[in-house]
């Protein structure tokens, strides 16, 4: 990694948001939702799904809580992560890393890694995530210690 990339990574700061009022003025909830929808392409969800996920992280509309972690340089968002509490343990981990997105112009500079590490450090218990097999971020998750123990199967209705 070049010196300039290290400088960018070192400049990233993190804000843990646990309530609607916790979003900073430069990254209000709408900006965070738009960031995730736009920056996670092509692996993004629809805006309504992102809204529901953030609701659950903020313990709204039946959610059990969790948090939104923001990575920023000054007043510019660099990355966003959404972590949910499951209310379970053992067969289903205590936490689900629901979303993690980094500005495409800043990828490869360690921001996603630091964002995940900072967020996992804030969790009690295990963490699970879903990632598509062809998503390049899968390699980052594996380097951070995530393993693929099960194949997920769904019955869509």
N, C-alpha and C. Protein backbone atom coordinates (compact mmCIF):
# COMPACT_ATOMS: atom_id res chain seq x y z
N UNK A 1 0.85 -1.18 0.00
CA UNK A 1 0.00 0.00 0.00
C UNK A 1 0.89 1.23 0.00
N UNK A 2 0.57 2.20 -0.81
CA UNK A 2 1.40 3.40 -0.91
C UNK A 2 1.20 4.29 0.31
N UNK A 3 2.13 5.22 0.49
CA UNK A 3 2.03 6.16 1.61
C UNK A 3 0.76 6.96 1.57
N UNK A 4 0.32 7.37 0.37
CA UNK A 4 -0.90 8.17 0.29
C UNK A 4 -2.13 7.35 0.67
N UNK A 5 -2.14 6.06 0.32
CA UNK A 5 -3.27 5.22 0.71
C UNK A 5 -3.30 5.07 2.22
N UNK A 6 -2.12 4.88 2.85
CA UNK A 6 -2.07 4.79 4.30
C UNK A 6 -2.60 6.07 4.93
N UNK A 7 -2.26 7.20 4.36
CA UNK A 7 -2.72 8.48 4.89
C UNK A 7 -4.23 8.57 4.85
N UNK A 8 -4.84 8.12 3.74
CA UNK A 8 -6.29 8.16 3.62
C UNK A 8 -6.93 7.25 4.67
N UNK A 9 -6.40 6.04 4.82
CA UNK A 9 -6.95 5.11 5.80
C UNK A 9 -6.80 5.67 7.20
N UNK A 10 -5.64 6.24 7.51
CA UNK A 10 -5.40 6.79 8.85
C UNK A 10 -6.30 7.97 9.15
N UNK A 11 -6.74 8.68 8.13
CA UNK A 11 -7.58 9.85 8.34
C UNK A 11 -9.04 9.48 8.59
N UNK A 12 -9.44 8.28 8.24
CA UNK A 12 -10.82 7.87 8.42
C UNK A 12 -11.16 7.82 9.90
N UNK A 13 -12.29 8.40 10.25
CA UNK A 13 -12.81 8.40 11.62
C UNK A 13 -14.14 7.67 11.62
N UNK A 14 -14.53 7.19 12.79
CA UNK A 14 -15.74 6.38 12.90
C UNK A 14 -16.73 7.00 13.89
N UNK A 15 -18.01 6.89 13.53
CA UNK A 15 -19.09 7.33 14.40
C UNK A 15 -20.08 6.18 14.51
N UNK A 16 -20.37 5.76 15.73
CA UNK A 16 -21.36 4.72 15.99
C UNK A 16 -22.69 5.39 16.26
N UNK A 17 -23.70 5.04 15.47
CA UNK A 17 -25.04 5.63 15.58
C UNK A 17 -25.99 4.56 16.10
N UNK A 18 -26.66 4.86 17.23
CA UNK A 18 -27.60 3.90 17.82
C UNK A 18 -29.02 4.44 17.92
N UNK A 19 -29.23 5.67 17.41
CA UNK A 19 -30.58 6.24 17.42
C UNK A 19 -30.71 7.19 16.23
N UNK A 20 -31.93 7.50 15.88
CA UNK A 20 -32.17 8.41 14.76
C UNK A 20 -31.50 9.76 15.00
N UNK A 21 -31.45 10.18 16.26
CA UNK A 21 -30.84 11.47 16.59
C UNK A 21 -29.32 11.43 16.54
N UNK A 22 -28.73 10.25 16.43
CA UNK A 22 -27.28 10.12 16.47
C UNK A 22 -26.55 10.39 15.17
N UNK A 23 -27.30 10.57 14.08
CA UNK A 23 -26.65 10.84 12.79
C UNK A 23 -26.08 12.25 12.78
N UNK A 24 -24.84 12.42 12.32
CA UNK A 24 -24.26 13.77 12.27
C UNK A 24 -24.89 14.58 11.14
N UNK A 25 -24.82 15.89 11.21
CA UNK A 25 -25.44 16.74 10.18
C UNK A 25 -24.94 16.45 8.76
N UNK A 26 -23.68 16.09 8.61
CA UNK A 26 -23.14 15.85 7.26
C UNK A 26 -23.53 14.48 6.71
N UNK A 27 -24.11 13.62 7.56
CA UNK A 27 -24.51 12.28 7.12
C UNK A 27 -25.82 11.92 7.80
N UNK A 28 -26.89 12.64 7.43
CA UNK A 28 -28.19 12.32 8.03
C UNK A 28 -28.65 10.96 7.51
N UNK A 29 -29.73 10.49 8.07
CA UNK A 29 -30.19 9.15 7.74
C UNK A 29 -30.45 8.98 6.24
N UNK A 30 -31.06 9.96 5.61
CA UNK A 30 -31.32 9.87 4.18
C UNK A 30 -30.04 9.75 3.37
N UNK A 31 -29.02 10.49 3.75
CA UNK A 31 -27.74 10.44 3.05
C UNK A 31 -27.09 9.07 3.22
N UNK A 32 -27.23 8.50 4.41
CA UNK A 32 -26.66 7.18 4.68
C UNK A 32 -27.38 6.12 3.87
N UNK A 33 -28.70 6.19 3.81
CA UNK A 33 -29.47 5.22 3.02
C UNK A 33 -29.11 5.34 1.54
N UNK A 34 -29.00 6.55 1.03
CA UNK A 34 -28.61 6.76 -0.38
C UNK A 34 -27.20 6.24 -0.63
N UNK A 35 -26.29 6.50 0.31
CA UNK A 35 -24.91 6.02 0.18
C UNK A 35 -24.90 4.51 0.00
N UNK A 36 -25.61 3.78 0.87
CA UNK A 36 -25.63 2.32 0.78
C UNK A 36 -26.22 1.86 -0.54
N UNK A 37 -27.32 2.48 -0.96
CA UNK A 37 -27.95 2.07 -2.22
C UNK A 37 -27.02 2.31 -3.41
N UNK A 38 -26.37 3.44 -3.43
CA UNK A 38 -25.53 3.81 -4.58
C UNK A 38 -24.17 3.13 -4.56
N UNK A 39 -23.52 3.09 -3.42
CA UNK A 39 -22.12 2.64 -3.35
C UNK A 39 -21.96 1.13 -3.30
N UNK A 40 -23.02 0.40 -2.98
CA UNK A 40 -22.91 -1.06 -2.90
C UNK A 40 -23.19 -1.75 -4.24
N UNK A 41 -23.49 -0.98 -5.27
CA UNK A 41 -23.80 -1.58 -6.57
C UNK A 41 -22.65 -2.45 -7.06
N UNK A 42 -22.91 -3.57 -7.66
CA UNK A 42 -24.21 -4.12 -8.05
C UNK A 42 -24.83 -5.02 -6.99
N UNK A 43 -24.30 -5.01 -5.78
CA UNK A 43 -24.78 -5.90 -4.72
C UNK A 43 -25.71 -5.20 -3.75
N UNK A 44 -26.34 -4.12 -4.20
CA UNK A 44 -27.18 -3.31 -3.33
C UNK A 44 -28.61 -3.84 -3.25
N UNK A 45 -29.31 -3.41 -2.22
CA UNK A 45 -30.72 -3.69 -2.05
C UNK A 45 -31.52 -2.46 -2.47
N UNK A 46 -32.82 -2.64 -2.57
CA UNK A 46 -33.70 -1.53 -2.90
C UNK A 46 -33.77 -0.57 -1.71
N UNK A 47 -34.02 0.72 -1.97
CA UNK A 47 -34.06 1.72 -0.88
C UNK A 47 -34.97 1.34 0.28
N UNK A 48 -36.15 0.79 0.00
CA UNK A 48 -37.07 0.40 1.08
C UNK A 48 -36.49 -0.68 1.97
N UNK A 49 -35.74 -1.62 1.40
CA UNK A 49 -35.12 -2.67 2.19
C UNK A 49 -34.02 -2.09 3.08
N UNK A 50 -33.25 -1.15 2.54
CA UNK A 50 -32.21 -0.49 3.33
C UNK A 50 -32.83 0.28 4.48
N UNK A 51 -33.93 0.98 4.22
CA UNK A 51 -34.63 1.72 5.26
C UNK A 51 -35.07 0.78 6.37
N UNK A 52 -35.67 -0.36 6.01
CA UNK A 52 -36.12 -1.33 7.01
C UNK A 52 -34.93 -1.87 7.82
N UNK A 53 -33.82 -2.13 7.15
CA UNK A 53 -32.63 -2.63 7.85
C UNK A 53 -32.12 -1.62 8.87
N UNK A 54 -32.07 -0.36 8.48
CA UNK A 54 -31.62 0.68 9.42
C UNK A 54 -32.63 0.84 10.55
N UNK A 55 -33.93 0.74 10.24
CA UNK A 55 -34.95 0.77 11.30
C UNK A 55 -34.66 -0.31 12.34
N UNK A 56 -34.39 -1.52 11.89
CA UNK A 56 -34.12 -2.62 12.82
C UNK A 56 -32.88 -2.34 13.64
N UNK A 57 -31.83 -1.78 13.02
CA UNK A 57 -30.59 -1.47 13.75
C UNK A 57 -30.82 -0.41 14.81
N UNK A 58 -31.79 0.47 14.58
CA UNK A 58 -32.08 1.55 15.53
C UNK A 58 -33.23 1.18 16.47
N UNK A 59 -33.61 -0.10 16.49
CA UNK A 59 -34.68 -0.62 17.35
C UNK A 59 -36.02 0.04 17.06
N UNK A 60 -36.29 0.30 15.79
CA UNK A 60 -37.57 0.86 15.36
C UNK A 60 -38.37 -0.23 14.64
N UNK A 61 -39.68 -0.10 14.62
CA UNK A 61 -40.56 -1.00 13.87
C UNK A 61 -40.27 -2.47 14.15
N UNK A 62 -40.09 -2.82 15.41
CA UNK A 62 -39.91 -4.21 15.80
C UNK A 62 -38.48 -4.69 15.81
N UNK A 63 -37.53 -3.84 15.47
CA UNK A 63 -36.14 -4.25 15.47
C UNK A 63 -35.60 -4.42 16.88
N UNK A 64 -34.61 -5.28 17.02
CA UNK A 64 -34.01 -5.56 18.33
C UNK A 64 -32.81 -4.67 18.62
N UNK A 65 -32.47 -3.80 17.68
CA UNK A 65 -31.35 -2.90 17.89
C UNK A 65 -30.10 -3.36 17.18
N UNK A 66 -29.06 -2.64 17.43
CA UNK A 66 -27.78 -2.81 16.77
C UNK A 66 -27.20 -1.42 16.61
N UNK A 67 -26.61 -1.15 15.47
CA UNK A 67 -26.05 0.18 15.24
C UNK A 67 -25.69 0.37 13.77
N UNK A 68 -25.45 1.62 13.43
CA UNK A 68 -24.92 2.01 12.13
C UNK A 68 -23.55 2.63 12.42
N UNK A 69 -22.50 2.13 11.74
CA UNK A 69 -21.17 2.69 11.92
C UNK A 69 -20.81 3.45 10.64
N UNK A 70 -20.42 4.71 10.85
CA UNK A 70 -20.05 5.58 9.73
C UNK A 70 -18.54 5.76 9.72
N UNK A 71 -17.93 5.62 8.56
CA UNK A 71 -16.52 5.99 8.36
C UNK A 71 -16.54 7.28 7.55
N UNK A 72 -15.74 8.26 7.98
CA UNK A 72 -15.77 9.53 7.28
C UNK A 72 -14.40 10.19 7.30
N UNK A 73 -14.20 11.05 6.32
CA UNK A 73 -13.03 11.94 6.26
C UNK A 73 -13.62 13.33 6.38
N UNK A 74 -13.41 13.99 7.49
CA UNK A 74 -14.02 15.30 7.68
C UNK A 74 -15.53 15.14 7.61
N UNK A 75 -16.14 15.82 6.66
CA UNK A 75 -17.60 15.72 6.49
C UNK A 75 -17.98 14.95 5.24
N UNK A 76 -17.10 14.05 4.78
CA UNK A 76 -17.38 13.22 3.61
C UNK A 76 -17.47 11.76 4.05
N UNK A 77 -18.60 11.12 3.74
CA UNK A 77 -18.76 9.70 4.06
C UNK A 77 -17.80 8.87 3.21
N UNK A 78 -17.12 7.94 3.86
CA UNK A 78 -16.22 7.02 3.17
C UNK A 78 -16.80 5.61 3.18
N UNK A 79 -17.57 5.27 4.22
CA UNK A 79 -18.14 3.94 4.33
C UNK A 79 -19.25 3.91 5.36
N UNK A 80 -20.12 2.91 5.24
CA UNK A 80 -21.24 2.72 6.16
C UNK A 80 -21.39 1.23 6.42
N UNK A 81 -21.65 0.87 7.67
CA UNK A 81 -21.92 -0.51 8.04
C UNK A 81 -23.17 -0.52 8.92
N UNK A 82 -24.04 -1.52 8.71
CA UNK A 82 -25.24 -1.69 9.52
C UNK A 82 -25.16 -3.06 10.19
N UNK A 83 -25.24 -3.06 11.53
CA UNK A 83 -25.16 -4.29 12.31
C UNK A 83 -26.47 -4.46 13.08
N UNK A 84 -27.04 -5.65 13.02
CA UNK A 84 -28.30 -5.96 13.72
C UNK A 84 -28.07 -6.96 14.83
N UNK A 85 -28.78 -6.78 15.93
CA UNK A 85 -28.83 -7.80 16.97
C UNK A 85 -29.93 -8.79 16.61
N UNK A 86 -29.67 -10.07 16.81
CA UNK A 86 -30.67 -11.09 16.46
C UNK A 86 -31.53 -11.50 17.63
N UNK A 87 -31.05 -11.30 18.85
CA UNK A 87 -31.78 -11.79 20.02
C UNK A 87 -31.58 -13.27 20.23
N UNK A 88 -30.66 -13.88 19.51
CA UNK A 88 -30.40 -15.31 19.62
C UNK A 88 -28.92 -15.53 19.89
N UNK A 89 -28.56 -16.78 20.10
CA UNK A 89 -27.15 -17.16 20.21
C UNK A 89 -27.05 -18.64 19.92
N UNK A 90 -25.83 -19.08 19.64
CA UNK A 90 -25.62 -20.49 19.35
C UNK A 90 -25.91 -20.80 17.90
N UNK A 91 -27.08 -21.38 17.63
CA UNK A 91 -27.39 -21.80 16.28
C UNK A 91 -27.53 -20.63 15.32
N UNK A 92 -27.89 -19.47 15.81
CA UNK A 92 -27.89 -18.24 15.02
C UNK A 92 -27.07 -17.24 15.82
N UNK A 93 -26.03 -16.66 15.21
CA UNK A 93 -25.18 -15.71 15.96
C UNK A 93 -25.96 -14.52 16.50
N UNK A 94 -25.38 -13.88 17.50
CA UNK A 94 -26.00 -12.76 18.18
C UNK A 94 -26.14 -11.52 17.29
N UNK A 95 -25.33 -11.44 16.23
CA UNK A 95 -25.30 -10.25 15.37
C UNK A 95 -25.27 -10.64 13.90
N UNK A 96 -25.89 -9.79 13.09
CA UNK A 96 -25.82 -9.93 11.63
C UNK A 96 -25.25 -8.65 11.06
N UNK A 97 -24.15 -8.79 10.33
CA UNK A 97 -23.60 -7.66 9.59
C UNK A 97 -24.47 -7.56 8.33
N UNK A 98 -25.39 -6.62 8.35
CA UNK A 98 -26.39 -6.53 7.29
C UNK A 98 -25.85 -5.85 6.04
N UNK A 99 -25.23 -4.69 6.21
CA UNK A 99 -24.69 -3.94 5.08
C UNK A 99 -23.32 -3.40 5.41
N UNK A 100 -22.46 -3.42 4.43
CA UNK A 100 -21.20 -2.68 4.51
C UNK A 100 -20.90 -2.16 3.11
N UNK A 101 -20.72 -0.86 3.03
CA UNK A 101 -20.42 -0.23 1.74
C UNK A 101 -19.33 0.80 1.91
N UNK A 102 -18.42 0.84 0.95
CA UNK A 102 -17.34 1.82 0.93
C UNK A 102 -17.41 2.56 -0.40
N UNK A 103 -17.14 3.85 -0.36
CA UNK A 103 -17.10 4.65 -1.58
C UNK A 103 -16.16 3.98 -2.57
N UNK A 104 -16.62 3.67 -3.79
CA UNK A 104 -15.78 2.99 -4.78
C UNK A 104 -14.44 3.70 -5.04
N UNK A 105 -14.42 5.01 -4.91
CA UNK A 105 -13.17 5.75 -5.14
C UNK A 105 -12.15 5.54 -4.03
N UNK A 106 -12.59 4.95 -2.90
CA UNK A 106 -11.71 4.75 -1.75
C UNK A 106 -11.46 3.28 -1.46
N UNK A 107 -12.00 2.39 -2.28
CA UNK A 107 -11.81 0.95 -2.05
C UNK A 107 -10.34 0.58 -2.22
N UNK A 108 -9.94 -0.46 -1.50
CA UNK A 108 -8.57 -0.93 -1.58
C UNK A 108 -7.62 -0.16 -0.68
N UNK A 109 -8.15 0.73 0.16
CA UNK A 109 -7.30 1.55 1.02
C UNK A 109 -7.43 1.18 2.49
N UNK A 110 -8.12 0.09 2.78
CA UNK A 110 -8.23 -0.39 4.15
C UNK A 110 -9.40 0.16 4.94
N UNK A 111 -10.22 0.99 4.32
CA UNK A 111 -11.35 1.58 5.05
C UNK A 111 -12.38 0.52 5.40
N UNK A 112 -12.73 -0.34 4.46
CA UNK A 112 -13.70 -1.40 4.73
C UNK A 112 -13.22 -2.33 5.84
N UNK A 113 -11.96 -2.69 5.80
CA UNK A 113 -11.39 -3.55 6.84
C UNK A 113 -11.49 -2.89 8.21
N UNK A 114 -11.09 -1.65 8.31
CA UNK A 114 -11.14 -0.94 9.59
C UNK A 114 -12.58 -0.74 10.05
N UNK A 115 -13.49 -0.49 9.12
CA UNK A 115 -14.90 -0.32 9.45
C UNK A 115 -15.47 -1.61 10.05
N UNK A 116 -15.16 -2.73 9.44
CA UNK A 116 -15.63 -4.02 9.94
C UNK A 116 -14.99 -4.33 11.29
N UNK A 117 -13.68 -4.14 11.41
CA UNK A 117 -13.00 -4.41 12.67
C UNK A 117 -13.56 -3.55 13.81
N UNK A 118 -13.78 -2.27 13.55
CA UNK A 118 -14.32 -1.38 14.58
C UNK A 118 -15.73 -1.81 14.97
N UNK A 119 -16.51 -2.25 14.01
CA UNK A 119 -17.89 -2.66 14.29
C UNK A 119 -17.95 -3.98 15.05
N UNK A 120 -17.14 -4.95 14.64
CA UNK A 120 -17.12 -6.24 15.33
C UNK A 120 -16.67 -6.05 16.78
N UNK A 121 -15.75 -5.13 17.00
CA UNK A 121 -15.28 -4.85 18.36
C UNK A 121 -16.41 -4.30 19.24
N UNK A 122 -17.42 -3.70 18.64
CA UNK A 122 -18.55 -3.14 19.38
C UNK A 122 -19.63 -4.18 19.69
N UNK A 123 -19.50 -5.37 19.15
CA UNK A 123 -20.52 -6.42 19.30
C UNK A 123 -20.18 -7.37 20.43
N UNK A 124 -21.22 -7.87 21.08
CA UNK A 124 -21.07 -8.98 22.00
C UNK A 124 -21.51 -10.23 21.26
N UNK A 125 -20.72 -11.27 21.30
CA UNK A 125 -21.07 -12.51 20.64
C UNK A 125 -20.58 -12.58 19.21
N UNK A 126 -21.06 -13.59 18.52
CA UNK A 126 -20.64 -13.88 17.15
C UNK A 126 -21.36 -12.99 16.14
N UNK A 127 -20.79 -12.95 14.95
CA UNK A 127 -21.34 -12.13 13.86
C UNK A 127 -21.43 -13.00 12.62
N UNK A 128 -22.55 -12.87 11.92
CA UNK A 128 -22.68 -13.55 10.63
C UNK A 128 -23.00 -12.52 9.56
N UNK A 129 -22.75 -12.89 8.31
CA UNK A 129 -23.11 -12.04 7.18
C UNK A 129 -23.44 -12.91 6.00
N UNK A 130 -24.12 -12.33 5.04
CA UNK A 130 -24.40 -12.99 3.76
C UNK A 130 -23.59 -12.27 2.70
N UNK A 131 -22.98 -13.02 1.82
CA UNK A 131 -22.23 -12.43 0.71
C UNK A 131 -22.40 -13.34 -0.50
N UNK A 132 -22.60 -12.72 -1.64
CA UNK A 132 -22.72 -13.50 -2.87
C UNK A 132 -21.34 -14.04 -3.24
N UNK A 133 -21.34 -15.23 -3.84
CA UNK A 133 -20.08 -15.90 -4.15
C UNK A 133 -19.17 -15.08 -5.05
N UNK A 134 -19.75 -14.28 -5.95
CA UNK A 134 -18.92 -13.52 -6.90
C UNK A 134 -18.58 -12.12 -6.40
N UNK A 135 -18.97 -11.76 -5.17
CA UNK A 135 -18.67 -10.44 -4.63
C UNK A 135 -17.20 -10.39 -4.22
N UNK A 136 -16.43 -9.46 -4.77
CA UNK A 136 -15.01 -9.37 -4.41
C UNK A 136 -14.77 -9.13 -2.92
N UNK A 137 -15.74 -8.57 -2.20
CA UNK A 137 -15.60 -8.34 -0.76
C UNK A 137 -15.51 -9.66 0.01
N UNK A 138 -15.93 -10.76 -0.59
CA UNK A 138 -15.88 -12.07 0.06
C UNK A 138 -14.46 -12.36 0.54
N UNK A 139 -13.46 -11.99 -0.23
CA UNK A 139 -12.06 -12.24 0.14
C UNK A 139 -11.66 -11.43 1.38
N UNK A 140 -12.15 -10.20 1.48
CA UNK A 140 -11.88 -9.39 2.67
C UNK A 140 -12.49 -10.06 3.90
N UNK A 141 -13.73 -10.51 3.78
CA UNK A 141 -14.39 -11.15 4.92
C UNK A 141 -13.61 -12.39 5.36
N UNK A 142 -13.14 -13.16 4.41
CA UNK A 142 -12.35 -14.35 4.75
C UNK A 142 -11.05 -13.98 5.45
N UNK A 143 -10.38 -12.93 4.98
CA UNK A 143 -9.14 -12.47 5.63
C UNK A 143 -9.41 -12.00 7.06
N UNK A 144 -10.61 -11.50 7.31
CA UNK A 144 -10.97 -11.04 8.66
C UNK A 144 -11.44 -12.18 9.56
N UNK A 145 -11.49 -13.40 9.05
CA UNK A 145 -11.83 -14.56 9.87
C UNK A 145 -13.21 -15.14 9.66
N UNK A 146 -14.03 -14.55 8.78
CA UNK A 146 -15.34 -15.12 8.50
C UNK A 146 -15.15 -16.40 7.68
N UNK A 147 -15.95 -17.42 7.99
CA UNK A 147 -15.89 -18.68 7.26
C UNK A 147 -17.29 -19.00 6.73
N UNK A 148 -17.32 -19.88 5.74
CA UNK A 148 -18.59 -20.30 5.16
C UNK A 148 -18.87 -21.72 5.65
N UNK A 149 -19.64 -21.80 6.74
CA UNK A 149 -19.93 -23.09 7.37
C UNK A 149 -21.16 -23.75 6.75
N UNK A 150 -22.11 -22.94 6.30
CA UNK A 150 -23.37 -23.47 5.78
C UNK A 150 -23.68 -22.85 4.43
N UNK A 151 -24.45 -23.57 3.63
CA UNK A 151 -25.03 -23.00 2.42
C UNK A 151 -26.39 -22.44 2.80
N UNK A 152 -26.65 -21.21 2.44
CA UNK A 152 -27.96 -20.63 2.73
C UNK A 152 -28.94 -21.10 1.67
N UNK A 153 -30.12 -21.50 2.11
CA UNK A 153 -31.18 -21.90 1.19
C UNK A 153 -32.42 -21.12 1.58
N UNK A 154 -33.17 -20.68 0.57
CA UNK A 154 -34.37 -19.91 0.83
C UNK A 154 -35.54 -20.46 0.03
N UNK A 155 -36.70 -20.37 0.61
CA UNK A 155 -37.94 -20.64 -0.10
C UNK A 155 -38.59 -19.28 -0.28
N UNK A 156 -38.50 -18.72 -1.47
CA UNK A 156 -39.05 -17.39 -1.76
C UNK A 156 -40.55 -17.48 -1.97
N UNK A 157 -41.27 -16.55 -1.39
CA UNK A 157 -42.73 -16.51 -1.55
C UNK A 157 -43.18 -15.14 -1.93
